[in-house]
Amino acid sequence: MVQLGRGKTENFTWDDTETDLTKIALSFYSGLFAYNGWNYLNFVIEELQDPVRNLPRAIAISIILVTIVYVLTNIAFYTTLSVPEVLGSEAVAVKFAEVLYGPMAFLIPVFVAMSTFGGVNGILLTSSRLFYAGACEGQMPEIFSMIQVDKMTPAPAVLVSA
C-alpha cells in the first residue's frame, strides 16, 4: 500500500498479456493449491462445535482471507518489480525482498520455511483422521480407532501419519 501511495503503478498494464485460453486455464489450475486448505476442514468435522454453522463460515472466511492476501501480495510484487523481473525470477518473494528490504531479505526464506511447517501441521492433523475413520468403519486396523483419553485425539493414527 505504501508503494501504491508513492505512485508505483507503472507495472500495472495489460501490455503483452497472455491471451491463449489454455495458458490462462493452466494458471487458474496452478493457483488452486493455494485455496485447497478449506478441503481439510471436512476431515475434522467431528471435532467442530456446531459444524452446520461453523463449517461453511470457516470455508468462506478462509477463502476470502486467502484471496485478499494473494491479491495484496501480487500488488506488492508488481509495485516493486517489473514484469520481466517477476517472470525471470525463480523465487519472486526473495527478489522482492532483495529490492525492498536489502540485507533483511534473508527473512523471506525463513518465513517460507515456517509457513511450510504450518502446512505440514494441518496435513498431519487432518490426514490422521482418515486413518481413524477407516478404523472406525472396520477398513483399517482397530488400533487406529483408539482415542487418547486426556486430549481426545486419535493418537495411534496421528503417530502413523507422522
C-alpha atoms as a PDB file:
ATOM      1  CA  MET A   1       0.000   0.000   0.000  1.00  0.00           C
ATOM      2  CA  VAL A   2       2.934   2.296   0.706  1.00  0.00           C
ATOM      3  CA  GLN A   3       4.295   1.707  -2.792  1.00  0.00           C
ATOM      4  CA  LEU A   4       0.874   2.416  -4.316  1.00  0.00           C
ATOM      5  CA  GLY A   5       0.705   5.617  -2.285  1.00  0.00           C
ATOM      6  CA  ARG A   6       4.058   6.602  -3.797  1.00  0.00           C
ATOM      7  CA  GLY A   7       2.565   6.188  -7.266  1.00  0.00           C
ATOM      8  CA  LYS A   8       4.380   2.974  -8.230  1.00  0.00           C
ATOM      9  CA  THR A   9       1.826   1.793 -10.778  1.00  0.00           C
ATOM     10  CA  GLU A  10       3.922   1.565 -13.940  1.00  0.00           C
ATOM     11  CA  ASN A  11       3.800  -2.272 -13.941  1.00  0.00           C
ATOM     12  CA  PHE A  12       0.005  -2.419 -13.797  1.00  0.00           C
ATOM     13  CA  THR A  13      -0.615  -2.595 -17.530  1.00  0.00           C
ATOM     14  CA  TRP A  14      -2.216  -5.060 -19.894  1.00  0.00           C
ATOM     15  CA  ASP A  15       0.714  -4.868 -22.340  1.00  0.00           C
ATOM     16  CA  ASP A  16       1.936  -8.288 -23.535  1.00  0.00           C
ATOM     17  CA  THR A  17      -0.880 -10.019 -21.636  1.00  0.00           C
ATOM     18  CA  GLU A  18      -1.319 -13.696 -22.464  1.00  0.00           C
ATOM     19  CA  THR A  19      -4.494 -14.318 -24.478  1.00  0.00           C
ATOM     20  CA  ASP A  20      -4.194 -18.088 -25.005  1.00  0.00           C
ATOM     21  CA  LEU A  21      -7.141 -19.590 -23.104  1.00  0.00           C
ATOM     22  CA  THR A  22      -5.289 -22.829 -22.354  1.00  0.00           C
ATOM     23  CA  LYS A  23      -2.481 -20.930 -20.612  1.00  0.00           C
ATOM     24  CA  ILE A  24      -4.985 -18.843 -18.679  1.00  0.00           C
ATOM     25  CA  ALA A  25      -6.819 -22.001 -17.582  1.00  0.00           C
ATOM     26  CA  LEU A  26      -3.497 -23.567 -16.547  1.00  0.00           C
ATOM     27  CA  SER A  27      -2.684 -20.517 -14.444  1.00  0.00           C
ATOM     28  CA  PHE A  28      -6.018 -20.803 -12.634  1.00  0.00           C
ATOM     29  CA  TYR A  29      -5.470 -24.535 -12.113  1.00  0.00           C
ATOM     30  CA  SER A  30      -1.984 -23.904 -10.745  1.00  0.00           C
ATOM     31  CA  GLY A  31      -3.397 -21.381  -8.308  1.00  0.00           C
ATOM     32  CA  LEU A  32      -5.951 -23.816  -6.887  1.00  0.00           C
ATOM     33  CA  PHE A  33      -3.370 -25.263  -4.495  1.00  0.00           C
ATOM     34  CA  ALA A  34      -3.417 -22.027  -2.534  1.00  0.00           C
ATOM     35  CA  TYR A  35      -7.138 -22.402  -1.885  1.00  0.00           C
ATOM     36  CA  ASN A  36      -7.103 -26.137  -1.068  1.00  0.00           C
ATOM     37  CA  GLY A  37      -6.854 -25.741   2.698  1.00  0.00           C
ATOM     38  CA  TRP A  38     -10.622 -25.453   3.098  1.00  0.00           C
ATOM     39  CA  ASN A  39     -10.919 -29.057   1.912  1.00  0.00           C
ATOM     40  CA  TYR A  40      -9.094 -30.295   5.007  1.00  0.00           C
ATOM     41  CA  LEU A  41     -11.836 -28.861   7.231  1.00  0.00           C
ATOM     42  CA  ASN A  42     -14.088 -31.693   6.095  1.00  0.00           C
ATOM     43  CA  PHE A  43     -11.743 -34.211   7.722  1.00  0.00           C
ATOM     44  CA  VAL A  44     -12.151 -32.726  11.206  1.00  0.00           C
ATOM     45  CA  ILE A  45     -15.882 -32.048  11.062  1.00  0.00           C
ATOM     46  CA  GLU A  46     -16.495 -34.432  14.003  1.00  0.00           C
ATOM     47  CA  GLU A  47     -14.406 -32.168  16.190  1.00  0.00           C
ATOM     48  CA  LEU A  48     -16.107 -28.905  15.218  1.00  0.00           C
ATOM     49  CA  GLN A  49     -18.584 -27.284  17.538  1.00  0.00           C
ATOM     50  CA  ASP A  50     -21.852 -26.702  15.680  1.00  0.00           C
ATOM     51  CA  PRO A  51     -20.486 -27.862  12.296  1.00  0.00           C
ATOM     52  CA  VAL A  52     -23.631 -26.931  10.359  1.00  0.00           C
ATOM     53  CA  ARG A  53     -22.999 -23.280  11.215  1.00  0.00           C
ATOM     54  CA  ASN A  54     -19.222 -23.200  11.606  1.00  0.00           C
ATOM     55  CA  LEU A  55     -18.014 -25.278   8.628  1.00  0.00           C
ATOM     56  CA  PRO A  56     -19.471 -23.033   5.890  1.00  0.00           C
ATOM     57  CA  ARG A  57     -18.394 -19.987   7.882  1.00  0.00           C
ATOM     58  CA  ALA A  58     -14.811 -21.292   8.198  1.00  0.00           C
ATOM     59  CA  ILE A  59     -14.658 -22.141   4.481  1.00  0.00           C
ATOM     60  CA  ALA A  60     -15.991 -18.729   3.437  1.00  0.00           C
ATOM     61  CA  ILE A  61     -13.714 -16.796   5.788  1.00  0.00           C
ATOM     62  CA  SER A  62     -10.621 -18.772   4.797  1.00  0.00           C
ATOM     63  CA  ILE A  63     -11.215 -18.393   1.046  1.00  0.00           C
ATOM     64  CA  ILE A  64     -11.840 -14.651   1.413  1.00  0.00           C
ATOM     65  CA  LEU A  65      -8.715 -14.184   3.556  1.00  0.00           C
ATOM     66  CA  VAL A  66      -6.508 -16.178   1.184  1.00  0.00           C
ATOM     67  CA  THR A  67      -7.846 -14.196  -1.775  1.00  0.00           C
ATOM     68  CA  ILE A  68      -7.132 -10.882  -0.041  1.00  0.00           C
ATOM     69  CA  VAL A  69      -3.616 -11.966   0.964  1.00  0.00           C
ATOM     70  CA  TYR A  70      -2.819 -13.187  -2.565  1.00  0.00           C
ATOM     71  CA  VAL A  71      -4.134 -10.035  -4.227  1.00  0.00           C
ATOM     72  CA  LEU A  72      -2.219  -7.789  -1.830  1.00  0.00           C
ATOM     73  CA  THR A  73       0.928  -9.891  -2.287  1.00  0.00           C
ATOM     74  CA  ASN A  74       0.713  -9.545  -6.065  1.00  0.00           C
ATOM     75  CA  ILE A  75       0.107  -5.810  -5.748  1.00  0.00           C
ATOM     76  CA  ALA A  76       3.229  -5.587  -3.582  1.00  0.00           C
ATOM     77  CA  PHE A  77       5.265  -7.587  -6.106  1.00  0.00           C
ATOM     78  CA  TYR A  78       4.172  -5.505  -9.101  1.00  0.00           C
ATOM     79  CA  THR A  79       4.665  -2.169  -7.367  1.00  0.00           C
ATOM     80  CA  THR A  80       8.276  -3.146  -6.677  1.00  0.00           C
ATOM     81  CA  LEU A  81       9.318  -5.434  -9.550  1.00  0.00           C
ATOM     82  CA  SER A  82       8.879  -5.164 -13.290  1.00  0.00           C
ATOM     83  CA  VAL A  83       7.106  -7.882 -15.263  1.00  0.00           C
ATOM     84  CA  PRO A  84      10.394  -9.281 -16.689  1.00  0.00           C
ATOM     85  CA  GLU A  85      11.829  -9.409 -13.158  1.00  0.00           C
ATOM     86  CA  VAL A  86       8.806 -11.345 -11.908  1.00  0.00           C
ATOM     87  CA  LEU A  87       8.806 -13.748 -14.853  1.00  0.00           C
ATOM     88  CA  GLY A  88      12.576 -14.247 -14.732  1.00  0.00           C
ATOM     89  CA  SER A  89      12.814 -14.880 -11.011  1.00  0.00           C
ATOM     90  CA  GLU A  90      12.922 -18.377  -9.529  1.00  0.00           C
ATOM     91  CA  ALA A  91      11.621 -17.025  -6.210  1.00  0.00           C
ATOM     92  CA  VAL A  92       9.669 -13.810  -6.663  1.00  0.00           C
ATOM     93  CA  ALA A  93       9.333 -13.149  -2.928  1.00  0.00           C
ATOM     94  CA  VAL A  94      13.119 -13.344  -2.470  1.00  0.00           C
ATOM     95  CA  LYS A  95      13.723 -10.977  -5.395  1.00  0.00           C
ATOM     96  CA  PHE A  96      11.076  -8.639  -3.948  1.00  0.00           C
ATOM     97  CA  ALA A  97      12.790  -8.693  -0.550  1.00  0.00           C
ATOM     98  CA  GLU A  98      16.232  -8.108  -2.088  1.00  0.00           C
ATOM     99  CA  VAL A  99      14.951  -4.983  -3.833  1.00  0.00           C
ATOM    100  CA  LEU A 100      12.832  -3.612  -0.992  1.00  0.00           C
ATOM    101  CA  TYR A 101      14.487  -4.866   2.203  1.00  0.00           C
ATOM    102  CA  GLY A 102      18.139  -5.251   1.202  1.00  0.00           C
ATOM    103  CA  PRO A 103      20.125  -7.023   3.939  1.00  0.00           C
ATOM    104  CA  MET A 104      16.932  -8.241   5.648  1.00  0.00           C
ATOM    105  CA  ALA A 105      15.939 -10.290   2.586  1.00  0.00           C
ATOM    106  CA  PHE A 106      17.082 -13.474   4.325  1.00  0.00           C
ATOM    107  CA  LEU A 107      13.844 -13.326   6.362  1.00  0.00           C
ATOM    108  CA  ILE A 108      11.681 -14.350   3.396  1.00  0.00           C
ATOM    109  CA  PRO A 109      13.068 -17.924   3.154  1.00  0.00           C
ATOM    110  CA  VAL A 110      12.773 -18.182   6.946  1.00  0.00           C
ATOM    111  CA  PHE A 111       9.099 -17.194   6.798  1.00  0.00           C
ATOM    112  CA  VAL A 112       8.507 -19.595   3.900  1.00  0.00           C
ATOM    113  CA  ALA A 113      10.013 -22.429   5.952  1.00  0.00           C
ATOM    114  CA  MET A 114       7.817 -21.507   8.920  1.00  0.00           C
ATOM    115  CA  SER A 115       4.780 -21.477   6.640  1.00  0.00           C
ATOM    116  CA  THR A 116       5.579 -24.960   5.336  1.00  0.00           C
ATOM    117  CA  PHE A 117       5.753 -26.257   8.908  1.00  0.00           C
ATOM    118  CA  GLY A 118       2.290 -24.797   9.467  1.00  0.00           C
ATOM    119  CA  GLY A 119       1.049 -26.536   6.332  1.00  0.00           C
ATOM    120  CA  VAL A 120       2.538 -29.856   7.427  1.00  0.00           C
ATOM    121  CA  ASN A 121       0.895 -29.424  10.823  1.00  0.00           C
ATOM    122  CA  GLY A 122      -2.510 -29.009   9.185  1.00  0.00           C
ATOM    123  CA  ILE A 123      -1.988 -32.025   6.945  1.00  0.00           C
ATOM    124  CA  LEU A 124      -0.915 -34.195   9.889  1.00  0.00           C
ATOM    125  CA  LEU A 125      -3.911 -33.046  11.907  1.00  0.00           C
ATOM    126  CA  THR A 126      -6.348 -33.927   9.162  1.00  0.00           C
ATOM    127  CA  SER A 127      -4.781 -36.973   7.488  1.00  0.00           C
ATOM    128  CA  SER A 128      -4.684 -38.862  10.786  1.00  0.00           C
ATOM    129  CA  ARG A 129      -8.489 -38.539  10.882  1.00  0.00           C
ATOM    130  CA  LEU A 130      -8.641 -40.606   7.681  1.00  0.00           C
ATOM    131  CA  PHE A 131      -6.892 -43.489   9.457  1.00  0.00           C
ATOM    132  CA  TYR A 132      -9.220 -43.022  12.430  1.00  0.00           C
ATOM    133  CA  ALA A 133     -12.388 -43.011  10.304  1.00  0.00           C
ATOM    134  CA  GLY A 134     -11.215 -46.044   8.337  1.00  0.00           C
ATOM    135  CA  ALA A 135     -10.546 -47.959  11.548  1.00  0.00           C
ATOM    136  CA  CYS A 136     -13.952 -46.999  12.986  1.00  0.00           C
ATOM    137  CA  GLU A 137     -15.565 -48.428   9.835  1.00  0.00           C
ATOM    138  CA  GLY A 138     -13.524 -51.645  10.103  1.00  0.00           C
ATOM    139  CA  GLN A 139     -11.499 -50.926   6.983  1.00  0.00           C
ATOM    140  CA  MET A 140      -8.177 -50.431   8.816  1.00  0.00           C
ATOM    141  CA  PRO A 141      -6.615 -51.997  11.903  1.00  0.00           C
ATOM    142  CA  GLU A 142      -8.652 -51.385  15.050  1.00  0.00           C
ATOM    143  CA  ILE A 143      -5.745 -49.733  16.870  1.00  0.00           C
ATOM    144  CA  PHE A 144      -6.185 -46.626  14.694  1.00  0.00           C
ATOM    145  CA  SER A 145      -9.661 -46.091  16.174  1.00  0.00           C
ATOM    146  CA  MET A 146      -8.316 -45.683  19.692  1.00  0.00           C
ATOM    147  CA  ILE A 147      -8.559 -42.243  21.260  1.00  0.00           C
ATOM    148  CA  GLN A 148      -6.081 -40.695  23.706  1.00  0.00           C
ATOM    149  CA  VAL A 149      -8.079 -40.263  26.918  1.00  0.00           C
ATOM    150  CA  ASP A 150      -6.865 -36.840  28.099  1.00  0.00           C
ATOM    151  CA  LYS A 151      -6.722 -34.993  24.774  1.00  0.00           C
ATOM    152  CA  MET A 152      -9.487 -36.929  22.968  1.00  0.00           C
ATOM    153  CA  THR A 153      -7.345 -37.282  19.833  1.00  0.00           C
ATOM    154  CA  PRO A 154      -6.661 -40.424  17.750  1.00  0.00           C
ATOM    155  CA  ALA A 155      -3.065 -40.766  18.986  1.00  0.00           C
ATOM    156  CA  PRO A 156      -2.169 -44.034  17.149  1.00  0.00           C
ATOM    157  CA  ALA A 157      -3.474 -42.601  13.879  1.00  0.00           C
ATOM    158  CA  VAL A 158      -1.523 -39.367  14.418  1.00  0.00           C
ATOM    159  CA  LEU A 159       1.678 -41.336  15.079  1.00  0.00           C
ATOM    160  CA  VAL A 160       1.238 -43.452  11.943  1.00  0.00           C
ATOM    161  CA  SER A 161       0.554 -40.469   9.707  1.00  0.00           C
ATOM    162  CA  ALA A 162       3.500 -38.565  11.185  1.00  0.00           C
END
